[in-house]
Amino acid sequence: MASHPAVRHISRCSINPDYFSEESKQTFHLTPWDISMLSAHYIQKGLLFPKPPPATNDNGPSITIIDHLKDSLSRTLFHFLPLAGQLVTHKHEDPPSYSISISLDCKNTPGVEFIHAVADVTTSDILSPIDVPPIVQSFFPLDKAVNHDGHTLPLLAVQVTEILDGIFIACSLNHVVGDGVSYWNFFNSWAEICRTVQGKQDHISRPPILRRWFLDGHGPIINLPFSHHDEFIDRYQPPVVLRERFFHFSPQSVRMLKAKVNAECNTSTISSFQALSALVWRCVTRARRHLPNDRKTSFRFTIDNRSRLSPPLSSHYFGHCVQAGNASATIGELLNHGIGWAALLLHEAVKGHTDSKVRKWLEVWMKSPFIYQLEDFFDPCNVRMGGSCRFDMYGCDFGWGMAEAVRSGSGNKFDGKVFSYPGRQGGSVELEVCLLPESMSVLESDPEFMDAVSPSQIGD
C-alpha cells in the first residue's frame, strides 16, 4: 500500500538493546505455534495519544519526545532481546534438514527500525469519520510484509507520527516472534520504562519469559519438510476493497447482552465475550445476503493456550502461544435460532479447548507440519475474531496519560475479520469490523446489531 501524501518521514534509524555483550550470540528456537505463522502478516497495532506537554529545554518538544522514545525503546529491548534479531534458515544436506530460528548477534543484528514521521491531520480527522480513514494505514511500517520476511526485514518496526494535536505510536511485530499477549506486554513495558525517571534501574512489571515451551520429546530444533520457502509462502491479497469501521459497546450494553443469552439458555456460564461474539456471528451472516441456508458457516476465534496447558504457562511467556477455537452451523440453523443458541455453541467450543486438545494439535502438527495461508481464512460464509478485550491497551501510559484510541494497520484483514479491543471506559468493548461495502451497509441497518451499539458513540 502506498504511503498517504499527508504523511512525511523525517528520519529512520535502527535501535538496538542498550546493553548486549559483543561476544554474545543467542539462538531462540521456534515452536510449532510460531512456525505455523510464517506466511501471515505482521501484527500491526498502534495508539493515538493527545499531544504531549511542551518540554522545558532548548531543543524543542519534538526532538525531546522522539529522542526519549528512542532511548526508552533501547532500554526496553534489553528485556525483549528476540525483537532485535532476525530469522535464519538452517539447511543441511546430510542428513537433509530444514529449520528456522531467531538469531541474535550484536555484531550483525538488524535491530528495531524506528521511523519518525509527521502528518498535517488532527485527532478529529482520524476518529470522526464513520469508516477508518485511509491515512491510518500510513502510520504503520512494514505494510503487507509476511512473517517469513523477517529473514531480511526487522522483526519489529516502530513508527512515531506526530500529528497537529497528538502523536500516534505504531508497532509492526513479526507474528512468529509473538502473539497479542506478547505484543501488548512489550508495548506496556516500553511505556513503563518511558515514563520512568532516566537513570533509575529499568525494572518492568511483567518481565518476559523468553525460553520457548516445547511438547515433551519434541524440539527445540524442528526439522521442516521443505527445501525452499516458495513451498509454503503465499502473498495472498484479498481481491476486494473492504470497509473498516469501529463499533462501540458500553458496559451496560455488554451486561444486557450477557444477561439475555444466559436467560435464553437457562444458565449463567456464558461470558460477555461469547455473547458479543454470537451477536457478531449472527448479524454479519445475516448481512451477507443471498447465502443459501444449507451452507456451513463458522466462527473462529483466538484462544490463549497459556492458561489451557496443565501445568499452565505464565502469562509472561513471550512467543506465539494461541490457537483458533471454532463453532460451526448451517446458515439456516444460525439465523433461525436465537442468539443464546449461537452463544452456547461458542461456549462449548471454549470449554472444549483443554490441555489434551492443545497437546493433540501439537502432536498432529509435528507428524505433518503445515503453515497457515491467508487465503485459507478467506471464506464468504465465515467470521473470524482476533484480538482480545483483556489486553491492557489503555494502560500504555508513556507519561502523557491515557491514549485516545487504538487503531490497526492493514495486516491480516479480509472480509469477515473482526478485531476486539477494550474500550476506554472500563467494561466497554470496541469491535473493528472488516466487511464488503454492501455487507457493511446491511449491518449498519440491522436493528439487533445497532440496538446493542452505544448510541452516543456511533460514528465517533
Protein backbone atom coordinates (compact mmCIF):
# COMPACT_ATOMS: atom_id res chain seq x y z
CA MET A 1 0.00 0.00 0.00
CA ALA A 2 1.40 3.39 -0.97
CA SER A 3 2.05 5.99 1.70
CA HIS A 4 -0.55 8.70 2.15
CA PRO A 5 0.81 12.03 0.78
CA ALA A 6 -0.03 13.76 4.06
CA VAL A 7 2.45 11.55 5.98
CA ARG A 8 6.10 12.59 5.66
CA HIS A 9 9.01 10.57 7.01
CA ILE A 10 11.51 12.78 8.83
CA SER A 11 14.09 10.20 9.87
CA ARG A 12 14.76 6.48 10.02
CA CYS A 13 17.26 4.55 12.15
CA SER A 14 17.90 1.21 13.88
CA ILE A 15 17.56 0.81 17.63
CA ASN A 16 19.43 -1.93 19.48
CA PRO A 17 19.31 -3.07 23.11
CA ASP A 18 21.15 -0.60 25.33
CA TYR A 19 23.33 -3.42 26.62
CA PHE A 20 24.42 -6.51 24.78
CA SER A 21 27.79 -8.21 25.05
CA GLU A 22 29.81 -8.08 21.83
CA GLU A 23 30.84 -11.68 22.37
CA SER A 24 27.29 -12.85 22.85
CA LYS A 25 25.29 -14.70 20.25
CA GLN A 26 21.94 -16.25 21.01
CA THR A 27 19.53 -18.53 19.17
CA PHE A 28 15.84 -18.64 20.00
CA HIS A 29 14.23 -21.78 18.65
CA LEU A 30 10.69 -21.73 17.27
CA THR A 31 7.72 -23.83 18.34
CA PRO A 32 5.00 -25.27 16.06
CA TRP A 33 2.77 -22.33 17.01
CA ASP A 34 5.49 -19.90 15.91
CA ILE A 35 6.39 -21.70 12.69
CA SER A 36 2.78 -22.09 11.56
CA MET A 37 2.52 -18.28 11.24
CA LEU A 38 5.37 -17.81 8.74
CA SER A 39 3.05 -16.86 5.86
CA ALA A 40 0.77 -14.49 7.83
CA HIS A 41 1.22 -10.72 8.14
CA TYR A 42 2.93 -8.85 10.97
CA ILE A 43 0.79 -7.73 13.92
CA GLN A 44 0.05 -4.01 13.37
CA LYS A 45 -1.44 -2.07 16.27
CA GLY A 46 -1.00 1.48 17.43
CA LEU A 47 -2.21 4.03 19.94
CA LEU A 48 -3.26 7.64 19.40
CA PHE A 49 -2.26 9.96 22.25
CA PRO A 50 -3.02 13.62 22.92
CA LYS A 51 -0.13 15.95 22.21
CA PRO A 52 2.50 15.56 24.94
CA PRO A 53 3.14 18.66 27.09
CA PRO A 54 5.86 21.06 25.86
CA ALA A 55 9.38 20.37 27.01
CA THR A 56 11.26 22.86 29.12
CA ASN A 57 14.68 22.61 27.45
CA ASP A 58 16.01 24.44 24.40
CA ASN A 59 15.86 21.51 21.99
CA GLY A 60 12.13 21.77 21.39
CA PRO A 61 9.41 19.30 22.38
CA SER A 62 9.58 17.31 19.14
CA ILE A 63 13.23 16.39 19.48
CA THR A 64 12.88 15.66 23.18
CA ILE A 65 9.90 13.35 22.71
CA ILE A 66 11.45 11.41 19.83
CA ASP A 67 14.84 11.06 21.48
CA HIS A 68 13.25 9.94 24.73
CA LEU A 69 11.17 7.33 22.88
CA LYS A 70 14.29 6.02 21.14
CA ASP A 71 16.24 5.83 24.39
CA SER A 72 13.44 4.09 26.30
CA LEU A 73 12.93 1.66 23.41
CA SER A 74 16.60 0.71 23.56
CA ARG A 75 16.31 0.11 27.29
CA THR A 76 13.15 -1.95 26.78
CA LEU A 77 14.81 -4.16 24.17
CA PHE A 78 17.28 -5.30 26.81
CA HIS A 79 14.36 -7.28 28.24
CA PHE A 80 12.95 -8.35 24.85
CA LEU A 81 16.11 -9.44 23.03
CA PRO A 82 14.43 -11.57 20.30
CA LEU A 83 12.86 -8.42 18.85
CA ALA A 84 16.31 -7.16 17.85
CA GLY A 85 17.24 -10.37 16.00
CA GLN A 86 16.31 -11.85 12.65
CA LEU A 87 15.01 -15.12 11.26
CA VAL A 88 17.59 -17.58 9.97
CA THR A 89 17.00 -20.72 7.91
CA HIS A 90 19.34 -23.63 8.52
CA LYS A 91 19.75 -26.17 5.69
CA HIS A 92 21.82 -29.32 5.76
CA GLU A 93 22.29 -31.92 3.03
CA ASP A 94 23.37 -34.94 5.04
CA PRO A 95 21.06 -35.81 6.60
CA PRO A 96 18.57 -33.48 4.86
CA SER A 97 17.12 -30.89 7.22
CA TYR A 98 15.40 -27.51 7.08
CA SER A 99 14.77 -25.46 10.21
CA ILE A 100 14.15 -21.82 11.14
CA SER A 101 15.13 -19.94 14.28
CA ILE A 102 15.66 -16.41 15.60
CA SER A 103 19.30 -15.42 15.65
CA LEU A 104 20.71 -12.57 17.70
CA ASP A 105 24.26 -11.47 17.02
CA CYS A 106 25.14 -8.00 18.26
CA LYS A 107 27.75 -7.56 15.50
CA ASN A 108 25.22 -8.14 12.73
CA THR A 109 21.82 -7.70 14.33
CA PRO A 110 19.38 -5.56 12.31
CA GLY A 111 17.86 -4.11 15.46
CA VAL A 112 14.44 -2.46 15.53
CA GLU A 113 13.54 0.01 12.81
CA PHE A 114 12.42 3.39 14.17
CA ILE A 115 10.68 5.88 11.87
CA HIS A 116 9.85 9.45 12.84
CA ALA A 117 7.06 10.90 10.72
CA VAL A 118 4.74 13.91 10.71
CA ALA A 119 1.25 14.40 9.29
CA ASP A 120 -0.84 17.56 8.89
CA VAL A 121 -4.00 15.99 10.29
CA THR A 122 -5.84 16.21 13.59
CA THR A 123 -7.24 13.68 16.02
CA SER A 124 -10.69 14.53 14.70
CA ASP A 125 -9.58 13.70 11.14
CA ILE A 126 -8.68 10.21 12.36
CA LEU A 127 -11.56 9.46 14.73
CA SER A 128 -14.55 11.37 13.35
CA PRO A 129 -15.17 9.56 10.02
CA ILE A 130 -17.55 6.62 10.23
CA ASP A 131 -15.06 4.39 8.41
CA VAL A 132 -11.38 4.23 9.34
CA PRO A 133 -9.72 6.79 7.02
CA PRO A 134 -7.00 5.54 4.61
CA ILE A 135 -4.32 7.73 6.18
CA VAL A 136 -4.28 5.44 9.24
CA GLN A 137 -2.63 2.70 7.17
CA SER A 138 0.30 5.03 6.50
CA PHE A 139 1.01 5.23 10.23
CA PHE A 140 2.23 1.61 10.16
CA PRO A 141 5.60 0.35 8.85
CA LEU A 142 6.24 -2.93 7.03
CA ASP A 143 2.88 -2.88 5.30
CA LYS A 144 1.99 -6.21 3.63
CA ALA A 145 5.16 -7.89 4.90
CA VAL A 146 4.71 -11.57 5.78
CA ASN A 147 6.46 -13.04 8.78
CA HIS A 148 8.97 -15.02 6.72
CA ASP A 149 10.30 -11.64 5.54
CA GLY A 150 11.90 -11.42 8.98
CA HIS A 151 14.89 -13.05 7.32
CA THR A 152 15.68 -9.68 5.70
CA LEU A 153 13.35 -7.21 7.43
CA PRO A 154 13.40 -6.24 11.12
CA LEU A 155 11.27 -8.35 13.43
CA LEU A 156 9.89 -5.16 14.95
CA ALA A 157 9.40 -1.77 13.33
CA VAL A 158 8.11 1.33 15.09
CA GLN A 159 6.68 4.47 13.52
CA VAL A 160 6.01 7.55 15.63
CA THR A 161 3.84 10.00 13.70
CA GLU A 162 3.35 13.48 15.10
CA ILE A 163 0.02 14.97 14.08
CA LEU A 164 -1.17 18.53 14.70
CA ASP A 165 -2.71 17.83 18.09
CA GLY A 166 -1.37 14.43 19.05
CA ILE A 167 1.06 11.60 18.48
CA PHE A 168 0.47 8.12 17.06
CA ILE A 169 2.78 5.27 18.12
CA ALA A 170 2.52 2.21 15.87
CA CYS A 171 4.37 -1.10 16.03
CA SER A 172 4.58 -3.85 13.44
CA LEU A 173 5.64 -7.06 15.20
CA ASN A 174 6.56 -10.29 13.46
CA HIS A 175 3.81 -12.76 14.38
CA VAL A 176 6.32 -15.62 14.54
CA VAL A 177 8.09 -13.84 17.39
CA GLY A 178 4.99 -13.15 19.47
CA ASP A 179 1.21 -13.09 19.68
CA GLY A 180 -1.16 -10.43 21.01
CA VAL A 181 -0.31 -11.19 24.64
CA SER A 182 3.40 -10.78 23.88
CA TYR A 183 2.77 -7.68 21.78
CA TRP A 184 0.94 -5.75 24.49
CA ASN A 185 3.37 -6.92 27.17
CA PHE A 186 6.14 -5.33 25.12
CA PHE A 187 4.12 -2.15 24.42
CA ASN A 188 3.24 -1.72 28.11
CA SER A 189 6.82 -2.39 29.17
CA TRP A 190 8.10 0.27 26.74
CA ALA A 191 5.58 2.76 28.11
CA GLU A 192 6.55 1.84 31.68
CA ILE A 193 10.25 2.46 31.02
CA CYS A 194 9.49 5.63 29.06
CA ARG A 195 7.67 7.24 31.98
CA THR A 196 10.38 6.14 34.45
CA VAL A 197 12.92 8.74 35.51
CA GLN A 198 16.03 8.22 33.40
CA GLY A 199 18.93 6.83 35.37
CA LYS A 200 16.80 4.61 37.58
CA GLN A 201 17.15 0.88 37.13
CA ASP A 202 14.79 -0.35 34.45
CA HIS A 203 12.62 -2.83 36.31
CA ILE A 204 9.44 -3.76 34.47
CA SER A 205 6.24 -5.13 35.96
CA ARG A 206 5.94 -8.11 33.60
CA PRO A 207 9.41 -9.36 32.64
CA PRO A 208 9.01 -11.68 29.64
CA ILE A 209 9.89 -15.36 29.75
CA LEU A 210 11.93 -15.83 26.58
CA ARG A 211 12.54 -19.57 26.79
CA ARG A 212 10.22 -21.30 24.33
CA TRP A 213 7.97 -24.15 25.51
CA PHE A 214 8.02 -27.45 23.61
CA LEU A 215 5.96 -30.59 23.88
CA ASP A 216 7.83 -33.31 25.75
CA GLY A 217 10.02 -35.27 23.36
CA HIS A 218 9.98 -32.58 20.65
CA GLY A 219 12.24 -29.63 19.92
CA PRO A 220 13.99 -27.39 20.37
CA ILE A 221 15.04 -27.89 16.73
CA ILE A 222 12.13 -28.77 14.43
CA ASN A 223 13.00 -30.18 11.04
CA LEU A 224 10.51 -28.98 8.42
CA PRO A 225 9.52 -30.91 5.26
CA PHE A 226 10.57 -28.13 2.89
CA SER A 227 13.54 -27.33 0.70
CA HIS A 228 12.61 -23.72 -0.18
CA HIS A 229 10.29 -21.09 1.28
CA ASP A 230 8.37 -20.83 -2.01
CA GLU A 231 6.77 -24.12 -0.98
CA PHE A 232 4.92 -22.50 1.95
CA ILE A 233 4.84 -18.71 1.46
CA ASP A 234 1.80 -17.24 -0.27
CA ARG A 235 1.46 -13.45 -0.51
CA TYR A 236 -2.29 -13.59 -0.91
CA GLN A 237 -4.12 -10.27 -1.03
CA PRO A 238 -7.93 -10.12 -0.82
CA PRO A 239 -9.20 -9.17 -4.29
CA VAL A 240 -11.79 -6.76 -2.90
CA VAL A 241 -11.97 -3.34 -1.27
CA LEU A 242 -13.22 -3.53 2.30
CA ARG A 243 -14.92 -1.12 4.61
CA GLU A 244 -13.39 -0.95 8.09
CA ARG A 245 -15.40 0.50 10.93
CA PHE A 246 -15.29 0.62 14.72
CA PHE A 247 -18.40 -0.15 16.77
CA HIS A 248 -18.57 0.72 20.46
CA PHE A 249 -20.42 -1.25 23.13
CA SER A 250 -20.95 0.34 26.53
CA PRO A 251 -20.57 -1.64 29.78
CA GLN A 252 -24.37 -1.53 30.18
CA SER A 253 -24.92 -2.89 26.67
CA VAL A 254 -22.43 -5.72 27.22
CA ARG A 255 -24.07 -6.66 30.54
CA MET A 256 -27.55 -6.67 28.98
CA LEU A 257 -26.35 -8.86 26.10
CA LYS A 258 -24.74 -11.32 28.50
CA ALA A 259 -27.87 -11.46 30.63
CA LYS A 260 -30.04 -12.05 27.57
CA VAL A 261 -28.11 -15.03 26.22
CA ASN A 262 -27.79 -16.65 29.65
CA ALA A 263 -31.53 -16.24 30.22
CA GLU A 264 -32.27 -17.84 26.83
CA CYS A 265 -30.07 -20.81 27.71
CA ASN A 266 -31.17 -21.01 31.36
CA THR A 267 -27.59 -20.76 32.56
CA SER A 268 -25.12 -18.24 33.97
CA THR A 269 -21.91 -19.59 32.45
CA ILE A 270 -21.86 -17.81 29.07
CA SER A 271 -19.33 -14.97 29.12
CA SER A 272 -19.65 -11.42 27.83
CA PHE A 273 -17.21 -12.22 25.03
CA GLN A 274 -19.22 -15.26 23.94
CA ALA A 275 -22.46 -13.24 23.99
CA LEU A 276 -20.96 -10.42 21.93
CA SER A 277 -19.36 -12.90 19.53
CA ALA A 278 -22.71 -14.60 19.00
CA LEU A 279 -24.26 -11.25 18.12
CA VAL A 280 -21.50 -10.54 15.60
CA TRP A 281 -21.69 -14.02 14.06
CA ARG A 282 -25.45 -13.86 13.52
CA CYS A 283 -25.62 -10.26 12.32
CA VAL A 284 -22.64 -10.44 9.95
CA THR A 285 -24.03 -13.68 8.48
CA ARG A 286 -27.44 -12.04 8.02
CA ALA A 287 -25.77 -9.02 6.38
CA ARG A 288 -24.27 -11.29 3.73
CA ARG A 289 -27.43 -11.60 1.74
CA HIS A 290 -28.10 -14.30 -0.84
CA LEU A 291 -26.14 -17.00 1.01
CA PRO A 292 -28.06 -20.31 0.91
CA ASN A 293 -29.41 -21.63 4.21
CA ASP A 294 -27.73 -25.01 3.77
CA ARG A 295 -24.21 -23.51 3.52
CA LYS A 296 -21.97 -24.03 6.52
CA THR A 297 -20.79 -21.00 8.47
CA SER A 298 -18.06 -20.97 11.10
CA PHE A 299 -16.99 -18.51 13.77
CA ARG A 300 -13.30 -18.80 14.56
CA PHE A 301 -11.72 -17.01 17.50
CA THR A 302 -8.35 -16.87 19.21
CA ILE A 303 -7.72 -18.86 22.38
CA ASP A 304 -4.65 -18.29 24.53
CA ASN A 305 -3.02 -21.65 25.27
CA ARG A 306 -1.02 -20.38 28.24
CA SER A 307 -3.81 -20.96 30.73
CA ARG A 308 -5.12 -24.07 28.95
CA LEU A 309 -2.00 -26.17 29.45
CA SER A 310 -1.50 -28.25 32.56
CA PRO A 311 0.56 -27.05 34.26
CA PRO A 312 -0.23 -23.62 32.78
CA LEU A 313 2.37 -21.38 31.19
CA SER A 314 2.99 -17.99 32.74
CA SER A 315 1.09 -15.06 31.24
CA HIS A 316 4.60 -13.55 30.81
CA TYR A 317 5.52 -16.28 28.30
CA PHE A 318 6.89 -14.44 25.24
CA GLY A 319 6.13 -16.11 21.93
CA HIS A 320 3.23 -17.19 19.78
CA CYS A 321 1.02 -19.30 22.01
CA VAL A 322 -2.51 -19.25 20.61
CA GLN A 323 -4.80 -21.49 18.58
CA ALA A 324 -8.17 -20.97 16.97
CA GLY A 325 -11.39 -22.09 18.59
CA ASN A 326 -14.22 -22.87 16.21
CA ALA A 327 -18.01 -23.14 16.23
CA SER A 328 -19.99 -24.18 13.15
CA ALA A 329 -23.59 -24.42 11.97
CA THR A 330 -25.55 -24.08 8.77
CA ILE A 331 -26.65 -20.55 7.96
CA GLY A 332 -30.27 -21.60 8.38
CA GLU A 333 -29.62 -23.03 11.85
CA LEU A 334 -27.73 -19.94 12.96
CA LEU A 335 -30.37 -17.45 11.81
CA ASN A 336 -33.45 -19.47 12.75
CA HIS A 337 -32.34 -19.99 16.34
CA GLY A 338 -31.94 -17.24 18.93
CA ILE A 339 -28.71 -15.53 19.92
CA GLY A 340 -28.47 -17.75 23.02
CA TRP A 341 -28.23 -20.85 20.82
CA ALA A 342 -25.24 -19.37 18.96
CA ALA A 343 -23.61 -18.23 22.21
CA LEU A 344 -23.92 -21.72 23.65
CA LEU A 345 -22.09 -23.16 20.62
CA LEU A 346 -19.24 -20.72 21.25
CA HIS A 347 -19.25 -21.51 24.97
CA GLU A 348 -18.91 -25.23 24.29
CA ALA A 349 -16.04 -24.58 21.87
CA VAL A 350 -14.16 -22.62 24.54
CA LYS A 351 -14.94 -25.20 27.21
CA GLY A 352 -13.62 -27.97 24.98
CA HIS A 353 -10.25 -26.29 24.43
CA THR A 354 -8.43 -28.33 27.09
CA ASP A 355 -4.85 -29.34 27.78
CA SER A 356 -5.37 -32.63 25.93
CA LYS A 357 -6.76 -30.85 22.87
CA VAL A 358 -3.82 -28.44 22.77
CA ARG A 359 -1.31 -31.28 23.07
CA LYS A 360 -3.10 -33.34 20.44
CA TRP A 361 -2.88 -30.42 17.99
CA LEU A 362 0.86 -30.20 18.61
CA GLU A 363 1.35 -33.95 18.14
CA VAL A 364 -0.57 -33.90 14.86
CA TRP A 365 1.39 -30.86 13.66
CA MET A 366 4.73 -32.49 14.47
CA LYS A 367 3.80 -35.50 12.34
CA SER A 368 2.71 -33.31 9.43
CA PRO A 369 3.92 -29.68 9.78
CA PHE A 370 1.94 -27.02 7.94
CA ILE A 371 1.98 -23.24 7.54
CA TYR A 372 -1.25 -21.23 7.74
CA GLN A 373 -2.11 -19.45 4.49
CA LEU A 374 -4.09 -16.20 4.46
CA GLU A 375 -6.17 -17.47 1.56
CA ASP A 376 -7.43 -20.28 3.79
CA PHE A 377 -9.00 -17.73 6.13
CA PHE A 378 -10.97 -16.02 3.39
CA ASP A 379 -14.42 -17.60 3.14
CA PRO A 380 -17.56 -15.59 2.32
CA CYS A 381 -19.56 -17.54 4.92
CA ASN A 382 -17.19 -17.33 7.90
CA VAL A 383 -16.36 -14.79 10.59
CA ARG A 384 -13.00 -14.67 12.36
CA MET A 385 -12.43 -12.79 15.61
CA GLY A 386 -8.94 -11.63 16.60
CA GLY A 387 -7.57 -9.51 19.40
CA SER A 388 -8.90 -9.55 22.95
CA CYS A 389 -10.84 -7.28 25.27
CA ARG A 390 -8.44 -8.35 28.03
CA PHE A 391 -5.34 -6.75 26.53
CA ASP A 392 -4.20 -3.76 28.58
CA MET A 393 -4.08 -1.28 25.70
CA TYR A 394 -5.20 1.80 27.58
CA GLY A 395 -2.74 1.08 30.38
CA CYS A 396 0.08 2.05 27.99
CA ASP A 397 0.97 5.39 29.54
CA PHE A 398 4.20 6.91 28.18
CA GLY A 399 3.89 9.76 30.66
CA TRP A 400 1.25 11.70 28.74
CA GLY A 401 -1.87 10.00 30.05
CA MET A 402 -4.32 7.52 28.54
CA ALA A 403 -4.48 7.02 24.78
CA GLU A 404 -7.42 8.46 22.85
CA ALA A 405 -7.91 5.38 20.68
CA VAL A 406 -6.40 2.18 19.32
CA ARG A 407 -6.12 1.58 15.58
CA SER A 408 -4.66 -1.19 13.41
CA GLY A 409 -2.82 -1.50 10.11
CA SER A 410 -3.88 -3.45 7.05
CA GLY A 411 -2.23 -6.72 8.10
CA ASN A 412 -4.31 -9.92 8.31
CA LYS A 413 -7.54 -8.23 7.21
CA PHE A 414 -10.17 -9.75 4.95
CA ASP A 415 -13.94 -9.85 4.57
CA GLY A 416 -15.37 -11.13 7.84
CA LYS A 417 -12.38 -10.31 10.06
CA VAL A 418 -13.26 -8.66 13.37
CA PHE A 419 -10.83 -7.37 15.99
CA SER A 420 -11.93 -6.93 19.61
CA TYR A 421 -10.45 -4.27 21.89
CA PRO A 422 -11.20 -2.99 25.37
CA GLY A 423 -12.91 0.39 25.39
CA ARG A 424 -11.51 3.42 27.19
CA GLN A 425 -14.27 3.09 29.77
CA GLY A 426 -13.86 0.03 31.96
CA GLY A 427 -16.10 -2.81 30.87
CA SER A 428 -16.78 -1.36 27.44
CA VAL A 429 -15.75 -3.06 24.20
CA GLU A 430 -14.75 -1.84 20.75
CA LEU A 431 -15.03 -4.02 17.67
CA GLU A 432 -13.22 -3.26 14.42
CA VAL A 433 -15.26 -4.91 11.66
CA CYS A 434 -13.96 -5.52 8.12
CA LEU A 435 -16.63 -6.29 5.52
CA LEU A 436 -17.51 -5.87 1.88
CA PRO A 437 -19.19 -2.45 1.39
CA GLU A 438 -22.61 -3.91 0.63
CA SER A 439 -22.49 -6.18 3.68
CA MET A 440 -21.41 -3.32 5.95
CA SER A 441 -24.35 -1.22 4.77
CA VAL A 442 -26.77 -4.01 5.66
CA LEU A 443 -25.11 -4.49 9.07
CA GLU A 444 -25.49 -0.78 9.79
CA SER A 445 -29.25 -1.19 9.25
CA ASP A 446 -29.62 -4.34 11.36
CA PRO A 447 -31.78 -3.49 14.40
CA GLU A 448 -30.46 -6.39 16.51
CA PHE A 449 -26.88 -5.25 16.00
CA MET A 450 -27.28 -1.48 16.11
CA ASP A 451 -29.51 -1.60 19.20
CA ALA A 452 -26.55 -3.07 21.07
CA VAL A 453 -24.11 -0.43 19.78
CA SER A 454 -23.74 2.51 22.15
CA PRO A 455 -25.88 5.29 20.62
CA SER A 456 -23.67 8.11 21.88
CA GLN A 457 -20.61 6.70 20.13
CA ILE A 458 -21.98 5.72 16.71
CA GLY A 459 -19.60 7.25 14.18
CA ASP A 460 -17.15 8.52 16.80
